[in-house]
C-alpha cells in the first residue's frame, strides 16, 4: 500500500497530539509507521494504522519514548557540564600549585597565579555548579 500525503500528515498530527514533541523522534516514528503500513499488501489505511500502533505499543509507548529521549538529552547535558567543571577544576589546581611554587621560590607574580585560581573558581566553577544543580532540580520536578 502506498500512502498519500494526507495520510502521512494525519499520522504526523496524531504523533504531535499524543506527545511526541521532538522533531527528530517524530520523524523516526513516522518513518517506522509508514514503512510498516507500506510493507503490507492488502487492507485499508485505518486498520493498518491501528495495527501499526498496536505493533509499536500504542500511543502510551510514544510518550514513554519521548520521555526517554528527554532523559538521554538531559544526561548528555549533565555529562558535558561535569566535564567542564572537571577541566576548570584542573586549571584551578594547576594555578594553585604554580602559586605555591612561586611563593616558595620567592619569585615575582606568585600572587597573580593565586588570583587567577580564585577568579576561575568564582567566575567559572561556581556558576557552572549552581547551573547544574538548577537543571537537576527542574528535571526532578517535571
N, C-alpha and C. Protein backbone atom coordinates (compact mmCIF):
# COMPACT_ATOMS: atom_id res chain seq x y z
N UNK A 1 0.84 -1.17 0.00
CA UNK A 1 0.00 0.00 0.00
C UNK A 1 0.89 1.24 0.00
N UNK A 2 0.59 2.19 -0.84
CA UNK A 2 1.34 3.44 -0.91
C UNK A 2 0.51 4.52 -0.22
N UNK A 3 1.18 5.24 0.70
CA UNK A 3 0.49 6.27 1.48
C UNK A 3 0.45 7.59 0.73
N UNK A 4 -0.66 8.30 0.90
CA UNK A 4 -0.77 9.63 0.31
C UNK A 4 -0.23 10.67 1.28
N UNK A 5 -0.08 11.89 0.80
CA UNK A 5 0.41 12.98 1.66
C UNK A 5 -0.55 13.25 2.81
N UNK A 6 -1.86 13.16 2.56
CA UNK A 6 -2.84 13.41 3.62
C UNK A 6 -2.73 12.36 4.72
N UNK A 7 -2.48 11.12 4.35
CA UNK A 7 -2.35 10.06 5.34
C UNK A 7 -1.08 10.26 6.18
N UNK A 8 -0.02 10.66 5.53
CA UNK A 8 1.23 10.92 6.26
C UNK A 8 1.05 12.10 7.20
N UNK A 9 0.39 13.16 6.75
CA UNK A 9 0.12 14.31 7.61
C UNK A 9 -0.78 13.93 8.78
N UNK A 10 -1.75 13.03 8.52
CA UNK A 10 -2.64 12.55 9.57
C UNK A 10 -1.84 11.83 10.66
N UNK A 11 -0.93 10.97 10.24
CA UNK A 11 -0.10 10.23 11.20
C UNK A 11 0.77 11.21 11.99
N UNK A 12 1.37 12.18 11.31
CA UNK A 12 2.24 13.13 11.99
C UNK A 12 1.47 13.98 12.98
N UNK A 13 0.27 14.42 12.62
CA UNK A 13 -0.55 15.21 13.55
C UNK A 13 -0.96 14.39 14.76
N UNK A 14 -1.24 13.11 14.55
CA UNK A 14 -1.57 12.23 15.68
C UNK A 14 -0.38 12.06 16.60
N UNK A 15 0.82 11.95 16.05
CA UNK A 15 2.01 11.83 16.88
C UNK A 15 2.21 13.09 17.72
N UNK A 16 1.99 14.25 17.12
CA UNK A 16 2.11 15.51 17.86
C UNK A 16 1.05 15.55 18.95
N UNK A 17 -0.16 15.15 18.61
CA UNK A 17 -1.27 15.17 19.56
C UNK A 17 -1.02 14.27 20.76
N UNK A 18 -0.36 13.15 20.53
CA UNK A 18 -0.15 12.19 21.61
C UNK A 18 1.22 12.30 22.26
N UNK A 19 1.88 13.45 22.14
CA UNK A 19 3.02 13.73 23.00
C UNK A 19 4.40 13.54 22.42
N UNK A 20 4.54 13.31 21.13
CA UNK A 20 5.88 13.20 20.55
C UNK A 20 6.28 14.61 20.11
N UNK A 21 7.03 15.30 20.98
CA UNK A 21 7.36 16.71 20.75
C UNK A 21 8.62 16.90 19.92
N UNK A 22 9.59 16.04 20.11
CA UNK A 22 10.87 16.16 19.42
C UNK A 22 10.69 15.88 17.92
N UNK A 23 11.17 16.81 17.11
CA UNK A 23 11.01 16.66 15.66
C UNK A 23 11.75 15.43 15.14
N UNK A 24 12.98 15.22 15.61
CA UNK A 24 13.75 14.07 15.15
C UNK A 24 13.07 12.76 15.52
N UNK A 25 12.60 12.67 16.76
CA UNK A 25 11.92 11.44 17.19
C UNK A 25 10.63 11.24 16.40
N UNK A 26 9.91 12.33 16.17
CA UNK A 26 8.64 12.24 15.42
C UNK A 26 8.90 11.75 14.00
N UNK A 27 9.96 12.26 13.37
CA UNK A 27 10.29 11.80 12.02
C UNK A 27 10.65 10.33 12.00
N UNK A 28 11.40 9.88 13.00
CA UNK A 28 11.77 8.46 13.07
C UNK A 28 10.55 7.57 13.26
N UNK A 29 9.69 7.94 14.20
CA UNK A 29 8.49 7.13 14.46
C UNK A 29 7.58 7.14 13.25
N UNK A 30 7.42 8.32 12.62
CA UNK A 30 6.60 8.43 11.42
C UNK A 30 7.14 7.54 10.31
N UNK A 31 8.45 7.52 10.16
CA UNK A 31 9.07 6.67 9.15
C UNK A 31 8.81 5.19 9.43
N UNK A 32 8.92 4.79 10.69
CA UNK A 32 8.68 3.39 11.03
C UNK A 32 7.22 3.00 10.78
N UNK A 33 6.31 3.86 11.16
CA UNK A 33 4.88 3.55 10.95
C UNK A 33 4.57 3.49 9.46
N UNK A 34 5.06 4.45 8.70
CA UNK A 34 4.80 4.46 7.25
C UNK A 34 5.41 3.24 6.57
N UNK A 35 6.61 2.88 6.98
CA UNK A 35 7.25 1.69 6.41
C UNK A 35 6.45 0.44 6.73
N UNK A 36 5.95 0.33 7.95
CA UNK A 36 5.15 -0.83 8.33
C UNK A 36 3.88 -0.90 7.50
N UNK A 37 3.21 0.23 7.34
CA UNK A 37 1.95 0.25 6.59
C UNK A 37 2.21 -0.04 5.12
N UNK A 38 3.26 0.54 4.55
CA UNK A 38 3.55 0.33 3.13
C UNK A 38 4.04 -1.08 2.83
N UNK A 39 4.55 -1.77 3.83
CA UNK A 39 5.02 -3.15 3.62
C UNK A 39 3.86 -4.12 3.49
N UNK A 40 2.71 -3.75 4.02
CA UNK A 40 1.54 -4.61 3.94
C UNK A 40 0.91 -4.49 2.56
N UNK A 41 0.51 -5.62 2.01
CA UNK A 41 -0.04 -5.64 0.66
C UNK A 41 -1.52 -5.24 0.62
N UNK A 42 -2.28 -5.73 1.57
CA UNK A 42 -3.73 -5.51 1.50
C UNK A 42 -4.22 -4.85 2.78
N UNK A 43 -5.44 -4.32 2.69
CA UNK A 43 -6.06 -3.69 3.85
C UNK A 43 -6.24 -2.20 3.64
N UNK A 44 -7.16 -1.65 4.40
CA UNK A 44 -7.37 -0.20 4.31
C UNK A 44 -6.44 0.52 5.29
N UNK A 45 -6.36 1.81 5.10
CA UNK A 45 -5.42 2.61 5.88
C UNK A 45 -5.74 2.57 7.36
N UNK A 46 -7.01 2.71 7.73
CA UNK A 46 -7.37 2.78 9.15
C UNK A 46 -6.99 1.51 9.90
N UNK A 47 -7.29 0.37 9.32
CA UNK A 47 -6.98 -0.89 10.01
C UNK A 47 -5.46 -1.11 10.08
N UNK A 48 -4.75 -0.78 8.99
CA UNK A 48 -3.30 -0.94 9.00
C UNK A 48 -2.65 0.05 9.97
N UNK A 49 -3.21 1.25 10.08
CA UNK A 49 -2.68 2.24 11.01
C UNK A 49 -2.87 1.78 12.45
N UNK A 50 -4.05 1.27 12.77
CA UNK A 50 -4.29 0.75 14.11
C UNK A 50 -3.40 -0.45 14.41
N UNK A 51 -3.20 -1.29 13.41
CA UNK A 51 -2.31 -2.45 13.58
C UNK A 51 -0.88 -2.00 13.83
N UNK A 52 -0.44 -0.97 13.10
CA UNK A 52 0.91 -0.44 13.29
C UNK A 52 1.06 0.16 14.68
N UNK A 53 0.03 0.86 15.15
CA UNK A 53 0.08 1.44 16.50
C UNK A 53 0.20 0.34 17.55
N UNK A 54 -0.58 -0.72 17.39
CA UNK A 54 -0.51 -1.82 18.34
C UNK A 54 0.84 -2.52 18.27
N UNK A 55 1.38 -2.62 17.07
CA UNK A 55 2.68 -3.25 16.89
C UNK A 55 3.79 -2.47 17.61
N UNK A 56 3.68 -1.14 17.60
CA UNK A 56 4.67 -0.30 18.25
C UNK A 56 4.33 0.03 19.69
N UNK A 57 3.25 -0.52 20.22
CA UNK A 57 2.93 -0.35 21.63
C UNK A 57 1.88 0.70 21.94
N UNK A 58 1.28 1.30 20.95
CA UNK A 58 0.24 2.29 21.20
C UNK A 58 0.81 3.66 21.50
N UNK A 59 -0.11 4.59 21.75
CA UNK A 59 0.30 5.97 21.99
C UNK A 59 1.06 6.14 23.31
N UNK A 60 0.77 5.30 24.29
CA UNK A 60 1.48 5.40 25.57
C UNK A 60 2.97 5.13 25.38
N UNK A 61 3.31 4.21 24.50
CA UNK A 61 4.73 3.92 24.27
C UNK A 61 5.42 5.10 23.59
N UNK A 62 4.68 5.86 22.78
CA UNK A 62 5.27 7.03 22.15
C UNK A 62 5.60 8.09 23.19
N UNK A 63 4.73 8.25 24.19
CA UNK A 63 5.01 9.19 25.27
C UNK A 63 6.22 8.73 26.08
N UNK A 64 6.30 7.42 26.32
CA UNK A 64 7.47 6.89 27.04
C UNK A 64 8.75 7.09 26.23
N UNK A 65 8.63 6.93 24.92
CA UNK A 65 9.78 7.14 24.04
C UNK A 65 10.24 8.60 24.10
N UNK A 66 9.27 9.53 24.11
CA UNK A 66 9.61 10.95 24.22
C UNK A 66 10.26 11.25 25.56
N UNK A 67 9.74 10.66 26.62
CA UNK A 67 10.31 10.87 27.96
C UNK A 67 11.74 10.33 28.01
N UNK A 68 11.95 9.17 27.44
CA UNK A 68 13.29 8.57 27.42
C UNK A 68 14.25 9.42 26.59
N UNK A 69 13.78 9.97 25.49
CA UNK A 69 14.61 10.84 24.67
C UNK A 69 15.01 12.09 25.45
N UNK A 70 14.06 12.66 26.19
CA UNK A 70 14.36 13.83 27.01
C UNK A 70 15.37 13.49 28.10
N UNK A 71 15.25 12.31 28.69
CA UNK A 71 16.19 11.88 29.73
C UNK A 71 17.60 11.73 29.16
N UNK A 72 17.72 11.16 27.98
CA UNK A 72 19.03 11.00 27.36
C UNK A 72 19.65 12.35 27.01
N UNK A 73 18.83 13.27 26.54
CA UNK A 73 19.32 14.62 26.24
C UNK A 73 19.81 15.30 27.51
N UNK A 74 19.06 15.16 28.59
CA UNK A 74 19.46 15.74 29.87
C UNK A 74 20.75 15.10 30.37
N UNK A 75 20.89 13.79 30.23
CA UNK A 75 22.09 13.10 30.68
C UNK A 75 23.32 13.57 29.91
N UNK A 76 23.18 13.77 28.59
CA UNK A 76 24.31 14.28 27.80
C UNK A 76 24.70 15.68 28.24
N UNK A 77 23.70 16.51 28.56
CA UNK A 77 23.97 17.88 29.01
C UNK A 77 24.70 17.86 30.35
N UNK A 78 24.28 17.00 31.27
CA UNK A 78 24.93 16.92 32.58
C UNK A 78 26.36 16.41 32.44
N UNK A 79 26.58 15.46 31.55
CA UNK A 79 27.94 14.95 31.32
C UNK A 79 28.84 16.06 30.80
N UNK A 80 28.32 16.86 29.88
CA UNK A 80 29.11 17.98 29.35
C UNK A 80 29.43 18.99 30.44
N UNK A 81 28.46 19.29 31.27
CA UNK A 81 28.68 20.24 32.37
C UNK A 81 29.72 19.69 33.34
N UNK A 82 29.64 18.41 33.65
CA UNK A 82 30.62 17.81 34.57
C UNK A 82 32.03 17.81 33.98
N UNK A 83 32.14 17.58 32.68
CA UNK A 83 33.47 17.65 32.04
C UNK A 83 34.03 19.06 32.12
N UNK A 84 33.17 20.05 31.92
CA UNK A 84 33.61 21.44 32.01
C UNK A 84 34.05 21.79 33.43
N UNK A 85 33.29 21.32 34.42
CA UNK A 85 33.68 21.55 35.82
C UNK A 85 35.02 20.88 36.13
N UNK A 86 35.21 19.68 35.65
CA UNK A 86 36.46 18.97 35.90
C UNK A 86 37.64 19.71 35.27
N UNK A 87 37.46 20.16 34.04
CA UNK A 87 38.54 20.88 33.35
C UNK A 87 38.89 22.18 34.08
N UNK A 88 37.87 22.93 34.47
CA UNK A 88 38.11 24.17 35.20
C UNK A 88 38.76 23.89 36.55
N UNK A 89 38.36 22.83 37.22
CA UNK A 89 38.98 22.45 38.49
C UNK A 89 40.43 22.08 38.32
N UNK A 90 40.74 21.39 37.23
CA UNK A 90 42.13 21.04 36.94
C UNK A 90 42.97 22.30 36.74
N UNK A 91 42.43 23.27 36.02
CA UNK A 91 43.15 24.53 35.80
C UNK A 91 43.37 25.26 37.12
N UNK A 92 42.36 25.26 37.98
CA UNK A 92 42.48 25.92 39.29
C UNK A 92 43.57 25.25 40.11
N UNK A 93 43.60 23.94 40.14
CA UNK A 93 44.63 23.22 40.90
C UNK A 93 46.02 23.54 40.34
N UNK A 94 46.13 23.55 39.02
CA UNK A 94 47.41 23.90 38.40
C UNK A 94 47.85 25.31 38.81
N UNK A 95 46.92 26.26 38.77
CA UNK A 95 47.27 27.63 39.15
C UNK A 95 47.66 27.73 40.62
N UNK A 96 46.97 26.99 41.47
CA UNK A 96 47.32 26.99 42.90
C UNK A 96 48.71 26.41 43.14
N UNK A 97 49.03 25.34 42.44
CA UNK A 97 50.36 24.73 42.59
C UNK A 97 51.44 25.69 42.09
N UNK A 98 51.17 26.34 40.96
CA UNK A 98 52.14 27.31 40.44
C UNK A 98 52.31 28.47 41.42
N UNK A 99 51.23 28.91 42.02
CA UNK A 99 51.31 29.98 43.01
C UNK A 99 52.15 29.55 44.20
N UNK A 100 51.94 28.33 44.65
CA UNK A 100 52.71 27.82 45.78
C UNK A 100 54.19 27.74 45.45
N UNK A 101 54.52 27.24 44.25
CA UNK A 101 55.91 27.14 43.84
C UNK A 101 56.55 28.53 43.76
N UNK A 102 55.82 29.47 43.18
CA UNK A 102 56.35 30.83 43.07
C UNK A 102 56.54 31.46 44.46
N UNK A 103 55.63 31.17 45.38
CA UNK A 103 55.76 31.70 46.75
C UNK A 103 56.98 31.10 47.44
N UNK A 104 57.15 29.78 47.31
CA UNK A 104 58.27 29.12 47.97
C UNK A 104 59.61 29.58 47.42
N UNK A 105 59.67 29.83 46.12
CA UNK A 105 60.92 30.26 45.50
C UNK A 105 61.10 31.78 45.58
N UNK A 106 60.10 32.45 46.10
CA UNK A 106 60.10 33.91 46.23
C UNK A 106 60.32 34.61 44.89
N UNK A 107 59.64 34.05 43.89
CA UNK A 107 59.67 34.65 42.57
C UNK A 107 58.53 35.66 42.45
N UNK A 108 58.63 36.59 41.51
CA UNK A 108 57.53 37.54 41.34
C UNK A 108 56.31 36.86 40.69
N UNK A 109 55.19 37.51 40.79
CA UNK A 109 53.92 37.09 40.18
C UNK A 109 53.26 35.90 40.87
N UNK A 110 53.67 35.55 42.06
CA UNK A 110 53.03 34.45 42.78
C UNK A 110 51.58 34.81 43.11
N UNK A 111 51.37 36.05 43.46
CA UNK A 111 50.00 36.46 43.80
C UNK A 111 49.09 36.48 42.58
N UNK A 112 49.63 36.71 41.41
CA UNK A 112 48.81 36.69 40.19
C UNK A 112 48.32 35.27 39.90
N UNK A 113 49.20 34.27 40.12
CA UNK A 113 48.78 32.88 39.94
C UNK A 113 47.63 32.55 40.92
N UNK A 114 47.78 33.00 42.15
CA UNK A 114 46.74 32.76 43.15
C UNK A 114 45.46 33.49 42.79
N UNK A 115 45.57 34.71 42.34
CA UNK A 115 44.40 35.48 41.94
C UNK A 115 43.69 34.83 40.76
N UNK A 116 44.46 34.32 39.82
CA UNK A 116 43.87 33.61 38.68
C UNK A 116 43.08 32.39 39.13
N UNK A 117 43.61 31.63 40.06
CA UNK A 117 42.91 30.46 40.58
C UNK A 117 41.61 30.85 41.27
N UNK A 118 41.67 31.91 42.06
CA UNK A 118 40.47 32.37 42.77
C UNK A 118 39.42 32.87 41.79
N UNK A 119 39.85 33.64 40.79
CA UNK A 119 38.89 34.16 39.80
C UNK A 119 38.23 33.05 39.00
N UNK A 120 38.99 32.06 38.59
CA UNK A 120 38.39 30.94 37.85
C UNK A 120 37.41 30.19 38.74
N UNK A 121 37.76 30.03 40.01
CA UNK A 121 36.84 29.35 40.93
C UNK A 121 35.53 30.12 41.06
N UNK A 122 35.64 31.42 41.20
CA UNK A 122 34.44 32.24 41.43
C UNK A 122 33.65 32.46 40.15
N UNK A 123 34.33 32.75 39.06
CA UNK A 123 33.65 33.13 37.83
C UNK A 123 33.27 31.97 36.92
N UNK A 124 33.90 30.81 37.12
CA UNK A 124 33.61 29.68 36.23
C UNK A 124 33.00 28.51 36.99
N UNK A 125 33.70 28.01 37.99
CA UNK A 125 33.26 26.77 38.65
C UNK A 125 31.97 26.97 39.42
N UNK A 126 31.87 28.02 40.22
CA UNK A 126 30.64 28.23 41.00
C UNK A 126 29.40 28.43 40.13
N UNK A 127 29.44 29.29 39.09
CA UNK A 127 28.24 29.40 38.25
C UNK A 127 27.86 28.09 37.56
N UNK A 128 28.85 27.35 37.09
CA UNK A 128 28.55 26.07 36.44
C UNK A 128 27.94 25.11 37.45
N UNK A 129 28.47 25.09 38.66
CA UNK A 129 27.94 24.20 39.69
C UNK A 129 26.48 24.55 40.03
N UNK A 130 26.20 25.82 40.23
CA UNK A 130 24.83 26.21 40.55
C UNK A 130 23.88 26.00 39.37
N UNK A 131 24.37 26.20 38.16
CA UNK A 131 23.55 25.93 36.98
C UNK A 131 23.19 24.45 36.89
N UNK A 132 24.16 23.58 37.15
CA UNK A 132 23.86 22.14 37.08
C UNK A 132 22.89 21.72 38.18
N UNK A 133 23.02 22.30 39.36
CA UNK A 133 22.05 21.99 40.44
C UNK A 133 20.66 22.48 40.07
N UNK A 134 20.58 23.67 39.44
CA UNK A 134 19.30 24.21 39.00
C UNK A 134 18.66 23.29 37.96
N UNK A 135 19.44 22.85 36.96
CA UNK A 135 18.91 21.97 35.92
C UNK A 135 18.44 20.64 36.51
N UNK A 136 19.19 20.11 37.48
CA UNK A 136 18.78 18.85 38.10
C UNK A 136 17.49 19.03 38.89
N UNK A 137 17.33 20.17 39.57
CA UNK A 137 16.10 20.38 40.34
C UNK A 137 14.90 20.56 39.40
N UNK A 138 15.08 21.22 38.28
CA UNK A 138 13.99 21.37 37.32
C UNK A 138 13.62 20.01 36.74
N UNK A 139 14.63 19.22 36.45
CA UNK A 139 14.37 17.92 35.81
C UNK A 139 13.63 16.98 36.78
N UNK A 140 13.90 17.07 38.08
CA UNK A 140 13.20 16.22 39.03
C UNK A 140 11.75 16.62 39.18
N UNK A 141 11.46 17.91 39.01
CA UNK A 141 10.09 18.40 39.16
C UNK A 141 9.22 17.93 38.00
N UNK A 142 9.72 18.05 36.76
CA UNK A 142 8.90 17.73 35.61
C UNK A 142 8.96 16.28 35.22
